[in-house]
Amino acid sequence: MLIMFDCDGVLVDSEIIAGRVDSEHLAEIGFTISPEDVIRRFTGLTSAGIAEIIEAEIGKPLPPEFLEAQDAELNRRLAEEVEAIPGALALLDVLDGPRCVCSNSSTDRLRITMERTGLWDRFAPNIWSAVEVGTRVPKPDPNVYLYGMEQFRAEPRETVVIEDSVFGVTAAHSAGCRVVGFTGGQHAWPGLADLLTAAGAETVTNRLADIPKIVEAFKVWDGIDS
């Protein structure tokens, strides 16, 4: 089976860092929101998607330099702080089938986080940003997952997606894939598993070490040999 991974919050523990940076920068323009609320509301969205929501709530455009400064600070912090999700590298050691990364993050950011954590070379060149491939529409649109399956000539029933956000699960489910919700990142909160299930995840785990057994179970249920 093809296994498609989201990156942030699934392979790299970056969402907790992003929540802090977003909270700090929004406070500078008078929009008070805690890192925890940033994570609960916006995990899985692009920076542009978050900005659109904030602008609607404050009733005016964000300062022209806001997104650029925010993205630059987040990239700096990720380059210094981000770590792999526990078990990510070990999981890749035991998976023997095709795999790829399908993310809402830009390729530049994916390179920052995945090179620092030793993951880039474990997936390259099959690392795709939703806003750079296919229709260039980010999750919750299924674009990036449809693109990934097309590259491998894989059918949805033969594809498993690992996702940590409602937006990501929605995208994968809309693409027809088997979806595993993941709650093992530092940003996960009580109740996230229920939200992922409601969005379309067939099962939820907080340990990447569980993924091989889940994939094997899907194969048995569907009568898939590889």
N, C-alpha and C. Protein backbone atom coordinates (compact mmCIF):
# COMPACT_ATOMS: atom_id res chain seq x y z
N MET A 1 0.84 -1.21 0.00
CA MET A 1 0.00 0.00 0.00
C MET A 1 0.87 1.25 0.00
N LEU A 2 0.38 2.27 -0.67
CA LEU A 2 1.04 3.57 -0.63
C LEU A 2 0.70 4.25 0.69
N ILE A 3 1.71 4.78 1.38
CA ILE A 3 1.47 5.53 2.61
C ILE A 3 1.86 6.98 2.38
N MET A 4 0.89 7.87 2.57
CA MET A 4 1.12 9.30 2.39
C MET A 4 1.06 9.98 3.76
N PHE A 5 2.11 10.69 4.08
CA PHE A 5 2.23 11.36 5.37
C PHE A 5 2.01 12.87 5.23
N ASP A 6 1.20 13.43 6.11
CA ASP A 6 1.32 14.86 6.36
C ASP A 6 2.67 15.06 7.04
N CYS A 7 3.17 16.28 7.07
CA CYS A 7 4.48 16.50 7.69
C CYS A 7 4.36 17.12 9.08
N ASP A 8 3.84 18.35 9.14
CA ASP A 8 3.78 19.07 10.42
C ASP A 8 2.82 18.38 11.38
N GLY A 9 3.35 17.99 12.54
CA GLY A 9 2.52 17.33 13.53
C GLY A 9 2.42 15.83 13.36
N VAL A 10 2.97 15.30 12.26
CA VAL A 10 2.98 13.86 12.02
C VAL A 10 4.41 13.33 11.97
N LEU A 11 5.25 13.97 11.17
CA LEU A 11 6.66 13.58 11.08
C LEU A 11 7.56 14.51 11.89
N VAL A 12 7.24 15.79 11.91
CA VAL A 12 8.03 16.77 12.67
C VAL A 12 7.13 17.47 13.67
N ASP A 13 7.67 17.74 14.86
CA ASP A 13 6.87 18.31 15.95
C ASP A 13 6.88 19.83 15.87
N SER A 14 6.32 20.33 14.78
CA SER A 14 6.42 21.76 14.47
C SER A 14 5.20 22.58 14.85
N GLU A 15 4.05 21.94 15.04
CA GLU A 15 2.83 22.71 15.28
C GLU A 15 2.89 23.50 16.58
N ILE A 16 3.53 22.95 17.60
CA ILE A 16 3.64 23.65 18.87
C ILE A 16 4.47 24.92 18.71
N ILE A 17 5.50 24.86 17.88
CA ILE A 17 6.34 26.03 17.61
C ILE A 17 5.56 27.06 16.81
N ALA A 18 4.84 26.61 15.80
CA ALA A 18 4.04 27.51 14.98
C ALA A 18 2.97 28.22 15.80
N GLY A 19 2.36 27.50 16.73
CA GLY A 19 1.35 28.12 17.59
C GLY A 19 1.91 29.25 18.41
N ARG A 20 3.10 29.07 18.94
CA ARG A 20 3.73 30.11 19.75
C ARG A 20 4.09 31.32 18.90
N VAL A 21 4.67 31.08 17.73
CA VAL A 21 5.07 32.19 16.86
C VAL A 21 3.85 32.98 16.39
N ASP A 22 2.80 32.28 15.97
CA ASP A 22 1.60 32.97 15.52
C ASP A 22 0.98 33.79 16.63
N SER A 23 0.92 33.24 17.84
CA SER A 23 0.36 33.96 18.97
C SER A 23 1.15 35.24 19.25
N GLU A 24 2.47 35.14 19.23
CA GLU A 24 3.32 36.30 19.49
C GLU A 24 3.13 37.39 18.45
N HIS A 25 3.09 37.01 17.19
CA HIS A 25 2.98 38.01 16.12
C HIS A 25 1.59 38.62 16.07
N LEU A 26 0.56 37.85 16.33
CA LEU A 26 -0.79 38.40 16.35
C LEU A 26 -0.96 39.38 17.51
N ALA A 27 -0.30 39.11 18.63
CA ALA A 27 -0.37 40.03 19.77
C ALA A 27 0.20 41.39 19.41
N GLU A 28 1.19 41.41 18.54
CA GLU A 28 1.82 42.67 18.15
C GLU A 28 0.88 43.58 17.38
N ILE A 29 -0.16 43.02 16.76
CA ILE A 29 -1.14 43.85 16.05
C ILE A 29 -2.44 43.96 16.83
N GLY A 30 -2.41 43.55 18.10
CA GLY A 30 -3.56 43.71 18.97
C GLY A 30 -4.58 42.60 18.92
N PHE A 31 -4.23 41.46 18.30
CA PHE A 31 -5.14 40.32 18.26
C PHE A 31 -4.65 39.30 19.29
N THR A 32 -5.35 39.22 20.41
CA THR A 32 -4.90 38.36 21.50
C THR A 32 -5.47 36.96 21.34
N ILE A 33 -4.59 35.99 21.25
CA ILE A 33 -4.98 34.59 21.16
C ILE A 33 -3.83 33.75 21.70
N SER A 34 -4.14 32.77 22.52
CA SER A 34 -3.10 31.94 23.12
C SER A 34 -2.54 30.96 22.10
N PRO A 35 -1.32 30.46 22.32
CA PRO A 35 -0.79 29.43 21.42
C PRO A 35 -1.71 28.22 21.32
N GLU A 36 -2.32 27.86 22.45
CA GLU A 36 -3.22 26.69 22.45
C GLU A 36 -4.42 26.92 21.54
N ASP A 37 -4.98 28.14 21.58
CA ASP A 37 -6.13 28.43 20.73
C ASP A 37 -5.73 28.55 19.26
N VAL A 38 -4.53 29.07 19.00
CA VAL A 38 -4.02 29.08 17.63
C VAL A 38 -4.00 27.65 17.09
N ILE A 39 -3.47 26.75 17.88
CA ILE A 39 -3.35 25.35 17.46
C ILE A 39 -4.72 24.73 17.22
N ARG A 40 -5.65 24.94 18.15
CA ARG A 40 -6.96 24.32 18.02
C ARG A 40 -7.74 24.86 16.82
N ARG A 41 -7.57 26.13 16.54
CA ARG A 41 -8.35 26.75 15.47
C ARG A 41 -7.71 26.60 14.09
N PHE A 42 -6.38 26.64 14.04
CA PHE A 42 -5.73 26.84 12.75
C PHE A 42 -4.81 25.71 12.29
N THR A 43 -4.59 24.68 13.12
CA THR A 43 -3.70 23.60 12.69
C THR A 43 -4.18 23.00 11.37
N GLY A 44 -3.26 22.90 10.43
CA GLY A 44 -3.58 22.33 9.13
C GLY A 44 -3.84 23.35 8.04
N LEU A 45 -4.01 24.62 8.42
CA LEU A 45 -4.23 25.67 7.43
C LEU A 45 -2.91 26.29 6.97
N THR A 46 -2.92 26.88 5.79
CA THR A 46 -1.77 27.66 5.33
C THR A 46 -1.75 29.00 6.04
N SER A 47 -0.61 29.70 5.97
CA SER A 47 -0.52 31.04 6.56
C SER A 47 -1.55 31.97 5.93
N ALA A 48 -1.73 31.84 4.62
CA ALA A 48 -2.71 32.68 3.93
C ALA A 48 -4.13 32.39 4.41
N GLY A 49 -4.41 31.11 4.66
CA GLY A 49 -5.73 30.74 5.15
C GLY A 49 -6.00 31.29 6.53
N ILE A 50 -4.99 31.26 7.40
CA ILE A 50 -5.12 31.82 8.74
C ILE A 50 -5.33 33.32 8.65
N ALA A 51 -4.54 33.98 7.80
CA ALA A 51 -4.66 35.44 7.64
C ALA A 51 -6.05 35.83 7.19
N GLU A 52 -6.63 35.06 6.30
CA GLU A 52 -7.98 35.36 5.80
C GLU A 52 -9.00 35.33 6.94
N ILE A 53 -8.87 34.36 7.83
CA ILE A 53 -9.78 34.27 8.97
C ILE A 53 -9.58 35.45 9.92
N ILE A 54 -8.33 35.78 10.22
CA ILE A 54 -8.04 36.88 11.13
C ILE A 54 -8.56 38.20 10.56
N GLU A 55 -8.34 38.42 9.28
CA GLU A 55 -8.81 39.66 8.65
C GLU A 55 -10.32 39.78 8.72
N ALA A 56 -11.03 38.67 8.56
CA ALA A 56 -12.49 38.70 8.66
C ALA A 56 -12.93 39.06 10.07
N GLU A 57 -12.18 38.59 11.07
CA GLU A 57 -12.56 38.84 12.46
C GLU A 57 -12.24 40.27 12.90
N ILE A 58 -11.14 40.83 12.40
CA ILE A 58 -10.77 42.19 12.82
C ILE A 58 -11.35 43.25 11.88
N GLY A 59 -11.89 42.80 10.75
CA GLY A 59 -12.56 43.72 9.85
C GLY A 59 -11.66 44.61 9.03
N LYS A 60 -10.40 44.22 8.88
CA LYS A 60 -9.47 45.00 8.06
C LYS A 60 -8.30 44.12 7.66
N PRO A 61 -7.57 44.52 6.62
CA PRO A 61 -6.42 43.72 6.19
C PRO A 61 -5.30 43.74 7.23
N LEU A 62 -4.54 42.67 7.29
CA LEU A 62 -3.34 42.66 8.12
C LEU A 62 -2.29 43.57 7.49
N PRO A 63 -1.37 44.09 8.30
CA PRO A 63 -0.31 44.94 7.74
C PRO A 63 0.42 44.21 6.61
N PRO A 64 0.82 44.92 5.57
CA PRO A 64 1.44 44.29 4.39
C PRO A 64 2.63 43.40 4.73
N GLU A 65 3.39 43.79 5.75
CA GLU A 65 4.60 43.04 6.08
C GLU A 65 4.35 41.92 7.08
N PHE A 66 3.11 41.76 7.53
CA PHE A 66 2.82 40.82 8.63
C PHE A 66 3.19 39.39 8.27
N LEU A 67 2.65 38.87 7.17
CA LEU A 67 2.88 37.47 6.82
C LEU A 67 4.35 37.19 6.54
N GLU A 68 5.02 38.12 5.87
CA GLU A 68 6.43 37.92 5.56
C GLU A 68 7.27 37.84 6.84
N ALA A 69 7.00 38.74 7.79
CA ALA A 69 7.74 38.73 9.05
C ALA A 69 7.42 37.49 9.87
N GLN A 70 6.16 37.12 9.89
CA GLN A 70 5.74 35.93 10.64
C GLN A 70 6.39 34.67 10.06
N ASP A 71 6.35 34.53 8.75
CA ASP A 71 6.94 33.35 8.12
C ASP A 71 8.45 33.29 8.33
N ALA A 72 9.11 34.44 8.26
CA ALA A 72 10.56 34.47 8.47
C ALA A 72 10.92 34.06 9.89
N GLU A 73 10.15 34.54 10.86
CA GLU A 73 10.42 34.17 12.25
C GLU A 73 10.15 32.69 12.48
N LEU A 74 9.07 32.19 11.91
CA LEU A 74 8.77 30.76 12.08
C LEU A 74 9.85 29.90 11.45
N ASN A 75 10.30 30.26 10.27
CA ASN A 75 11.38 29.50 9.64
C ASN A 75 12.64 29.50 10.50
N ARG A 76 12.94 30.65 11.09
CA ARG A 76 14.13 30.74 11.95
C ARG A 76 13.98 29.83 13.16
N ARG A 77 12.82 29.87 13.80
CA ARG A 77 12.60 29.06 14.99
C ARG A 77 12.60 27.56 14.65
N LEU A 78 11.98 27.21 13.56
CA LEU A 78 11.97 25.81 13.16
C LEU A 78 13.37 25.30 12.88
N ALA A 79 14.18 26.11 12.22
CA ALA A 79 15.55 25.71 11.90
C ALA A 79 16.38 25.49 13.15
N GLU A 80 16.00 26.15 14.25
CA GLU A 80 16.76 26.03 15.50
C GLU A 80 16.16 25.02 16.47
N GLU A 81 14.85 24.77 16.40
CA GLU A 81 14.18 24.06 17.48
C GLU A 81 13.48 22.76 17.09
N VAL A 82 13.00 22.63 15.86
CA VAL A 82 12.10 21.52 15.56
C VAL A 82 12.81 20.17 15.69
N GLU A 83 12.06 19.20 16.17
CA GLU A 83 12.55 17.82 16.29
C GLU A 83 11.58 16.88 15.58
N ALA A 84 12.08 15.71 15.25
CA ALA A 84 11.20 14.70 14.66
C ALA A 84 10.21 14.21 15.71
N ILE A 85 9.03 13.85 15.26
CA ILE A 85 8.07 13.19 16.14
C ILE A 85 8.70 11.88 16.61
N PRO A 86 8.59 11.55 17.91
CA PRO A 86 9.17 10.30 18.39
C PRO A 86 8.69 9.10 17.56
N GLY A 87 9.64 8.31 17.13
CA GLY A 87 9.32 7.11 16.36
C GLY A 87 9.28 7.30 14.86
N ALA A 88 9.45 8.54 14.37
CA ALA A 88 9.33 8.77 12.92
C ALA A 88 10.41 8.04 12.14
N LEU A 89 11.65 8.20 12.54
CA LEU A 89 12.75 7.56 11.81
C LEU A 89 12.68 6.04 11.94
N ALA A 90 12.33 5.56 13.12
CA ALA A 90 12.21 4.11 13.32
C ALA A 90 11.10 3.54 12.46
N LEU A 91 10.00 4.27 12.31
CA LEU A 91 8.91 3.80 11.47
C LEU A 91 9.36 3.64 10.02
N LEU A 92 10.11 4.61 9.53
CA LEU A 92 10.57 4.54 8.15
C LEU A 92 11.53 3.38 7.92
N ASP A 93 12.21 2.96 8.98
CA ASP A 93 13.12 1.82 8.87
C ASP A 93 12.38 0.51 8.61
N VAL A 94 11.12 0.43 9.04
CA VAL A 94 10.39 -0.83 8.92
C VAL A 94 9.35 -0.82 7.80
N LEU A 95 9.01 0.35 7.28
CA LEU A 95 8.07 0.40 6.17
C LEU A 95 8.79 0.07 4.87
N ASP A 96 8.27 -0.87 4.12
CA ASP A 96 8.96 -1.28 2.90
C ASP A 96 8.21 -0.93 1.62
N GLY A 97 7.06 -0.30 1.74
CA GLY A 97 6.28 0.06 0.56
C GLY A 97 6.53 1.49 0.13
N PRO A 98 5.86 1.94 -0.93
CA PRO A 98 6.01 3.32 -1.40
C PRO A 98 5.46 4.31 -0.38
N ARG A 99 6.06 5.49 -0.33
CA ARG A 99 5.62 6.51 0.63
C ARG A 99 5.95 7.89 0.08
N CYS A 100 5.25 8.88 0.61
CA CYS A 100 5.49 10.26 0.20
C CYS A 100 4.99 11.20 1.29
N VAL A 101 5.33 12.47 1.14
CA VAL A 101 4.85 13.52 2.04
C VAL A 101 3.96 14.45 1.24
N CYS A 102 2.77 14.74 1.79
CA CYS A 102 1.81 15.66 1.17
C CYS A 102 1.41 16.69 2.22
N SER A 103 1.85 17.92 2.04
CA SER A 103 1.74 18.93 3.08
C SER A 103 1.17 20.24 2.55
N ASN A 104 0.61 21.04 3.46
CA ASN A 104 0.23 22.41 3.10
C ASN A 104 1.41 23.37 3.20
N SER A 105 2.49 22.95 3.83
CA SER A 105 3.67 23.81 3.94
C SER A 105 4.35 23.95 2.58
N SER A 106 5.07 25.05 2.41
CA SER A 106 5.85 25.25 1.19
C SER A 106 7.01 24.26 1.15
N THR A 107 7.53 24.04 -0.04
CA THR A 107 8.70 23.17 -0.17
C THR A 107 9.87 23.73 0.62
N ASP A 108 10.04 25.04 0.62
CA ASP A 108 11.14 25.65 1.38
C ASP A 108 11.04 25.31 2.86
N ARG A 109 9.82 25.40 3.42
CA ARG A 109 9.67 25.08 4.84
C ARG A 109 9.82 23.59 5.09
N LEU A 110 9.31 22.78 4.20
CA LEU A 110 9.48 21.34 4.34
C LEU A 110 10.96 20.96 4.36
N ARG A 111 11.73 21.62 3.52
CA ARG A 111 13.16 21.33 3.50
C ARG A 111 13.81 21.73 4.83
N ILE A 112 13.40 22.86 5.41
CA ILE A 112 13.95 23.30 6.69
C ILE A 112 13.69 22.25 7.77
N THR A 113 12.44 21.84 7.90
CA THR A 113 12.09 20.94 9.00
C THR A 113 12.57 19.51 8.76
N MET A 114 12.49 19.06 7.52
CA MET A 114 12.83 17.67 7.24
C MET A 114 14.33 17.45 7.15
N GLU A 115 15.08 18.44 6.71
CA GLU A 115 16.54 18.29 6.71
C GLU A 115 17.08 18.33 8.13
N ARG A 116 16.54 19.22 8.96
CA ARG A 116 17.02 19.30 10.35
C ARG A 116 16.78 17.98 11.09
N THR A 117 15.69 17.31 10.79
CA THR A 117 15.31 16.10 11.51
C THR A 117 15.78 14.81 10.83
N GLY A 118 16.50 14.93 9.73
CA GLY A 118 16.99 13.74 9.05
C GLY A 118 15.96 13.00 8.23
N LEU A 119 14.86 13.68 7.89
CA LEU A 119 13.77 13.02 7.18
C LEU A 119 13.75 13.30 5.68
N TRP A 120 14.37 14.37 5.25
CA TRP A 120 14.28 14.76 3.84
C TRP A 120 14.73 13.65 2.90
N ASP A 121 15.89 13.10 3.16
CA ASP A 121 16.44 12.07 2.27
C ASP A 121 15.68 10.75 2.37
N ARG A 122 14.83 10.61 3.39
CA ARG A 122 14.04 9.39 3.52
C ARG A 122 12.80 9.42 2.62
N PHE A 123 12.48 10.60 2.08
CA PHE A 123 11.30 10.73 1.22
C PHE A 123 11.60 11.30 -0.17
N ALA A 124 12.62 12.16 -0.27
CA ALA A 124 12.89 12.86 -1.53
C ALA A 124 13.05 11.86 -2.68
N PRO A 125 12.53 12.16 -3.85
CA PRO A 125 11.91 13.43 -4.27
C PRO A 125 10.40 13.49 -4.06
N ASN A 126 9.84 12.52 -3.37
CA ASN A 126 8.38 12.43 -3.24
C ASN A 126 7.88 13.24 -2.04
N ILE A 127 8.14 14.55 -2.10
CA ILE A 127 7.74 15.50 -1.06
C ILE A 127 7.01 16.63 -1.76
N TRP A 128 5.72 16.78 -1.48
CA TRP A 128 4.90 17.71 -2.26
C TRP A 128 4.16 18.71 -1.38
N SER A 129 4.19 19.94 -1.83
CA SER A 129 3.43 21.03 -1.20
C SER A 129 2.13 21.21 -1.97
N ALA A 130 1.02 21.26 -1.25
CA ALA A 130 -0.29 21.36 -1.90
C ALA A 130 -0.42 22.60 -2.76
N VAL A 131 0.25 23.69 -2.35
CA VAL A 131 0.11 24.94 -3.10
C VAL A 131 1.07 25.03 -4.28
N GLU A 132 1.82 23.95 -4.53
CA GLU A 132 2.79 23.96 -5.62
C GLU A 132 2.56 22.85 -6.65
N VAL A 133 1.58 21.98 -6.41
CA VAL A 133 1.32 20.88 -7.34
C VAL A 133 -0.16 20.82 -7.70
N GLY A 134 -0.44 20.10 -8.79
CA GLY A 134 -1.83 19.90 -9.18
C GLY A 134 -2.56 21.21 -9.41
N THR A 135 -3.70 21.36 -8.75
CA THR A 135 -4.50 22.58 -8.86
C THR A 135 -3.99 23.69 -7.96
N ARG A 136 -2.99 23.38 -7.13
CA ARG A 136 -2.38 24.34 -6.19
C ARG A 136 -3.38 24.83 -5.13
N VAL A 137 -4.35 24.01 -4.84
CA VAL A 137 -5.32 24.34 -3.80
C VAL A 137 -4.95 23.56 -2.54
N PRO A 138 -4.83 24.23 -1.37
CA PRO A 138 -4.40 23.55 -0.15
C PRO A 138 -5.51 22.73 0.49
N LYS A 139 -5.13 21.89 1.42
CA LYS A 139 -6.10 21.18 2.25
C LYS A 139 -6.97 22.23 2.96
N PRO A 140 -8.27 21.96 3.15
CA PRO A 140 -8.97 20.67 3.09
C PRO A 140 -9.35 20.17 1.70
N ASP A 141 -8.96 20.86 0.65
CA ASP A 141 -9.17 20.33 -0.69
C ASP A 141 -8.30 19.08 -0.87
N PRO A 142 -8.79 18.07 -1.58
CA PRO A 142 -8.01 16.82 -1.73
C PRO A 142 -6.87 16.90 -2.73
N ASN A 143 -6.64 18.04 -3.34
CA ASN A 143 -5.67 18.20 -4.42
C ASN A 143 -4.36 17.45 -4.21
N VAL A 144 -3.67 17.71 -3.10
CA VAL A 144 -2.33 17.16 -2.93
C VAL A 144 -2.36 15.64 -2.80
N TYR A 145 -3.43 15.09 -2.22
CA TYR A 145 -3.51 13.63 -2.09
C TYR A 145 -3.88 12.99 -3.44
N LEU A 146 -4.72 13.63 -4.20
CA LEU A 146 -5.00 13.13 -5.55
C LEU A 146 -3.73 13.16 -6.40
N TYR A 147 -2.95 14.22 -6.25
CA TYR A 147 -1.69 14.33 -6.99
C TYR A 147 -0.72 13.22 -6.58
N GLY A 148 -0.60 12.98 -5.28
CA GLY A 148 0.30 11.94 -4.80
C GLY A 148 -0.07 10.56 -5.33
N MET A 149 -1.36 10.24 -5.30
CA MET A 149 -1.79 8.94 -5.83
C MET A 149 -1.51 8.83 -7.32
N GLU A 150 -1.71 9.94 -8.03
CA GLU A 150 -1.44 9.93 -9.47
C GLU A 150 0.02 9.62 -9.77
N GLN A 151 0.93 10.17 -8.97
CA GLN A 151 2.36 9.94 -9.21
C GLN A 151 2.73 8.47 -9.05
N PHE A 152 2.05 7.79 -8.13
CA PHE A 152 2.35 6.38 -7.87
C PHE A 152 1.39 5.43 -8.60
N ARG A 153 0.44 6.01 -9.33
CA ARG A 153 -0.59 5.21 -10.00
C ARG A 153 -1.30 4.31 -8.99
N ALA A 154 -1.60 4.88 -7.84
CA ALA A 154 -2.24 4.13 -6.75
C ALA A 154 -3.73 4.42 -6.70
N GLU A 155 -4.49 3.41 -6.31
CA GLU A 155 -5.93 3.58 -6.11
C GLU A 155 -6.19 4.04 -4.67
N PRO A 156 -7.26 4.79 -4.44
CA PRO A 156 -7.55 5.26 -3.08
C PRO A 156 -7.64 4.14 -2.04
N ARG A 157 -8.25 3.02 -2.39
CA ARG A 157 -8.40 1.93 -1.43
C ARG A 157 -7.06 1.28 -1.09
N GLU A 158 -6.04 1.55 -1.91
CA GLU A 158 -4.70 1.01 -1.67
C GLU A 158 -3.77 2.06 -1.08
N THR A 159 -4.36 3.13 -0.54
CA THR A 159 -3.58 4.26 -0.03
C THR A 159 -3.99 4.59 1.39
N VAL A 160 -3.00 4.74 2.27
CA VAL A 160 -3.24 5.12 3.66
C VAL A 160 -2.61 6.48 3.90
N VAL A 161 -3.37 7.37 4.51
CA VAL A 161 -2.88 8.71 4.83
C VAL A 161 -2.81 8.86 6.35
N ILE A 162 -1.70 9.46 6.82
CA ILE A 162 -1.53 9.75 8.25
C ILE A 162 -1.67 11.25 8.44
N GLU A 163 -2.65 11.68 9.22
CA GLU A 163 -2.96 13.10 9.37
C GLU A 163 -3.25 13.46 10.83
N ASP A 164 -2.89 14.70 11.20
CA ASP A 164 -3.09 15.16 12.58
C ASP A 164 -4.12 16.26 12.69
N SER A 165 -4.69 16.74 11.57
CA SER A 165 -5.62 17.87 11.64
C SER A 165 -6.94 17.52 10.97
N VAL A 166 -7.98 18.21 11.38
CA VAL A 166 -9.29 18.03 10.77
C VAL A 166 -9.24 18.39 9.29
N PHE A 167 -8.54 19.48 8.96
CA PHE A 167 -8.44 19.89 7.56
C PHE A 167 -7.73 18.82 6.73
N GLY A 168 -6.69 18.22 7.28
CA GLY A 168 -5.96 17.20 6.56
C GLY A 168 -6.75 15.92 6.41
N VAL A 169 -7.42 15.49 7.48
CA VAL A 169 -8.25 14.29 7.41
C VAL A 169 -9.37 14.50 6.38
N THR A 170 -9.96 15.68 6.40
CA THR A 170 -11.02 15.99 5.43
C THR A 170 -10.51 15.86 4.00
N ALA A 171 -9.31 16.38 3.75
CA ALA A 171 -8.72 16.30 2.41
C ALA A 171 -8.50 14.86 1.99
N ALA A 172 -7.90 14.07 2.87
CA ALA A 172 -7.60 12.67 2.55
C ALA A 172 -8.87 11.85 2.36
N HIS A 173 -9.85 12.09 3.23
CA HIS A 173 -11.12 11.37 3.13
C HIS A 173 -11.83 11.73 1.82
N SER A 174 -11.77 13.01 1.45
CA SER A 174 -12.40 13.45 0.20
C SER A 174 -11.72 12.81 -1.01
N ALA A 175 -10.43 12.50 -0.88
CA ALA A 175 -9.70 11.84 -1.97
C ALA A 175 -10.01 10.35 -2.03
N GLY A 176 -10.74 9.83 -1.04
CA GLY A 176 -11.12 8.43 -1.02
C GLY A 176 -10.14 7.52 -0.33
N CYS A 177 -9.13 8.10 0.34
CA CYS A 177 -8.07 7.30 0.97
C CYS A 177 -8.52 6.72 2.30
N ARG A 178 -7.80 5.68 2.75
CA ARG A 178 -7.93 5.21 4.12
C ARG A 178 -7.17 6.19 5.00
N VAL A 179 -7.76 6.65 6.08
CA VAL A 179 -7.16 7.73 6.87
C VAL A 179 -6.94 7.29 8.31
N VAL A 180 -5.71 7.51 8.79
CA VAL A 180 -5.35 7.28 10.19
C VAL A 180 -5.12 8.64 10.83
N GLY A 181 -5.86 8.93 11.89
CA GLY A 181 -5.63 10.16 12.64
C GLY A 181 -4.46 9.97 13.59
N PHE A 182 -3.65 11.01 13.74
CA PHE A 182 -2.47 10.93 14.61
C PHE A 182 -2.52 12.03 15.65
N THR A 183 -2.33 11.65 16.92
CA THR A 183 -2.39 12.60 18.03
C THR A 183 -1.14 12.55 18.89
N GLY A 184 0.01 12.23 18.30
CA GLY A 184 1.23 12.07 19.07
C GLY A 184 2.12 13.29 19.13
N GLY A 185 1.72 14.41 18.51
CA GLY A 185 2.51 15.63 18.59
C GLY A 185 2.27 16.38 19.89
N GLN A 186 3.20 17.26 20.23
CA GLN A 186 3.05 18.04 21.46
C GLN A 186 1.82 18.94 21.43
N HIS A 187 1.34 19.26 20.24
CA HIS A 187 0.21 20.18 20.12
C HIS A 187 -1.13 19.51 20.35
N ALA A 188 -1.18 18.19 20.39
CA ALA A 188 -2.46 17.48 20.50
C ALA A 188 -3.15 17.81 21.82
N TRP A 189 -4.46 17.85 21.80
CA TRP A 189 -5.24 18.20 22.99
C TRP A 189 -6.35 17.17 23.19
N PRO A 190 -6.89 17.06 24.42
CA PRO A 190 -8.00 16.15 24.67
C PRO A 190 -9.17 16.49 23.76
N GLY A 191 -9.70 15.50 23.12
CA GLY A 191 -10.81 15.72 22.21
C GLY A 191 -10.40 15.75 20.75
N LEU A 192 -9.10 15.87 20.47
CA LEU A 192 -8.66 15.89 19.07
C LEU A 192 -8.99 14.59 18.36
N ALA A 193 -8.81 13.47 19.04
CA ALA A 193 -9.09 12.17 18.41
C ALA A 193 -10.54 12.09 17.94
N ASP A 194 -11.46 12.59 18.75
CA ASP A 194 -12.88 12.57 18.37
C ASP A 194 -13.13 13.44 17.14
N LEU A 195 -12.45 14.58 17.07
CA LEU A 195 -12.62 15.47 15.91
C LEU A 195 -12.08 14.82 14.64
N LEU A 196 -10.93 14.14 14.76
CA LEU A 196 -10.35 13.47 13.59
C LEU A 196 -11.26 12.33 13.11
N THR A 197 -11.83 11.61 14.06
CA THR A 197 -12.76 10.53 13.71
C THR A 197 -13.99 11.08 13.00
N ALA A 198 -14.52 12.17 13.53
CA ALA A 198 -15.71 12.78 12.92
C ALA A 198 -15.42 13.28 11.51
N ALA A 199 -14.17 13.67 11.26
CA ALA A 199 -13.79 14.19 9.94
C ALA A 199 -13.55 13.08 8.92
N GLY A 200 -13.43 11.82 9.40
CA GLY A 200 -13.26 10.72 8.45
C GLY A 200 -12.15 9.74 8.74
N ALA A 201 -11.40 9.94 9.83
CA ALA A 201 -10.35 8.98 10.18
C ALA A 201 -10.98 7.66 10.62
N GLU A 202 -10.47 6.55 10.08
CA GLU A 202 -11.02 5.24 10.44
C GLU A 202 -10.52 4.76 11.79
N THR A 203 -9.34 5.20 12.15
CA THR A 203 -8.79 4.89 13.46
C THR A 203 -7.83 6.01 13.83
N VAL A 204 -7.50 6.10 15.12
CA VAL A 204 -6.62 7.17 15.61
C VAL A 204 -5.59 6.55 16.54
N THR A 205 -4.35 7.01 16.44
CA THR A 205 -3.29 6.55 17.33
C THR A 205 -2.41 7.72 17.74
N ASN A 206 -1.75 7.57 18.88
CA ASN A 206 -0.78 8.59 19.29
C ASN A 206 0.65 8.06 19.22
N ARG A 207 0.83 6.90 18.56
CA ARG A 207 2.17 6.30 18.43
C ARG A 207 2.41 5.92 16.98
N LEU A 208 3.47 6.46 16.41
CA LEU A 208 3.82 6.07 15.04
C LEU A 208 4.18 4.60 14.94
N ALA A 209 4.61 4.03 16.04
CA ALA A 209 4.95 2.60 16.05
C ALA A 209 3.75 1.72 15.74
N ASP A 210 2.53 2.26 15.89
CA ASP A 210 1.33 1.48 15.60
C ASP A 210 1.01 1.41 14.11
N ILE A 211 1.62 2.28 13.31
CA ILE A 211 1.22 2.40 11.91
C ILE A 211 1.39 1.09 11.12
N PRO A 212 2.50 0.36 11.24
CA PRO A 212 2.61 -0.88 10.46
C PRO A 212 1.48 -1.87 10.72
N LYS A 213 1.07 -2.02 11.98
CA LYS A 213 -0.01 -2.95 12.29
C LYS A 213 -1.34 -2.46 11.72
N ILE A 214 -1.56 -1.14 11.76
CA ILE A 214 -2.79 -0.59 11.20
C ILE A 214 -2.83 -0.82 9.69
N VAL A 215 -1.70 -0.58 9.02
CA VAL A 215 -1.64 -0.80 7.58
C VAL A 215 -1.90 -2.26 7.24
N GLU A 216 -1.32 -3.17 8.01
CA GLU A 216 -1.55 -4.60 7.77
C GLU A 216 -3.01 -4.95 7.97
N ALA A 217 -3.65 -4.35 8.97
CA ALA A 217 -5.07 -4.60 9.20
C ALA A 217 -5.91 -4.13 8.02
N PHE A 218 -5.59 -2.95 7.48
CA PHE A 218 -6.30 -2.46 6.30
C PHE A 218 -6.15 -3.43 5.13
N LYS A 219 -4.94 -3.96 4.95
CA LYS A 219 -4.70 -4.91 3.86
C LYS A 219 -5.58 -6.15 4.01
N VAL A 220 -5.65 -6.67 5.22
CA VAL A 220 -6.45 -7.87 5.47
C VAL A 220 -7.93 -7.58 5.21
N TRP A 221 -8.40 -6.45 5.72
CA TRP A 221 -9.82 -6.11 5.54
C TRP A 221 -10.19 -5.96 4.07
N ASP A 222 -9.26 -5.44 3.27
CA ASP A 222 -9.56 -5.17 1.87
C ASP A 222 -9.04 -6.24 0.92
N GLY A 223 -8.35 -7.26 1.45
CA GLY A 223 -7.81 -8.31 0.59
C GLY A 223 -6.72 -7.83 -0.34
N ILE A 224 -5.87 -6.92 0.16
CA ILE A 224 -4.78 -6.35 -0.63
C ILE A 224 -3.49 -7.09 -0.31
N ASP A 225 -2.74 -7.47 -1.33
CA ASP A 225 -1.53 -8.26 -1.14
C ASP A 225 -0.28 -7.43 -0.91
N SER A 226 -0.25 -6.16 -1.33
CA SER A 226 0.98 -5.38 -1.22
C SER A 226 0.70 -3.97 -0.78
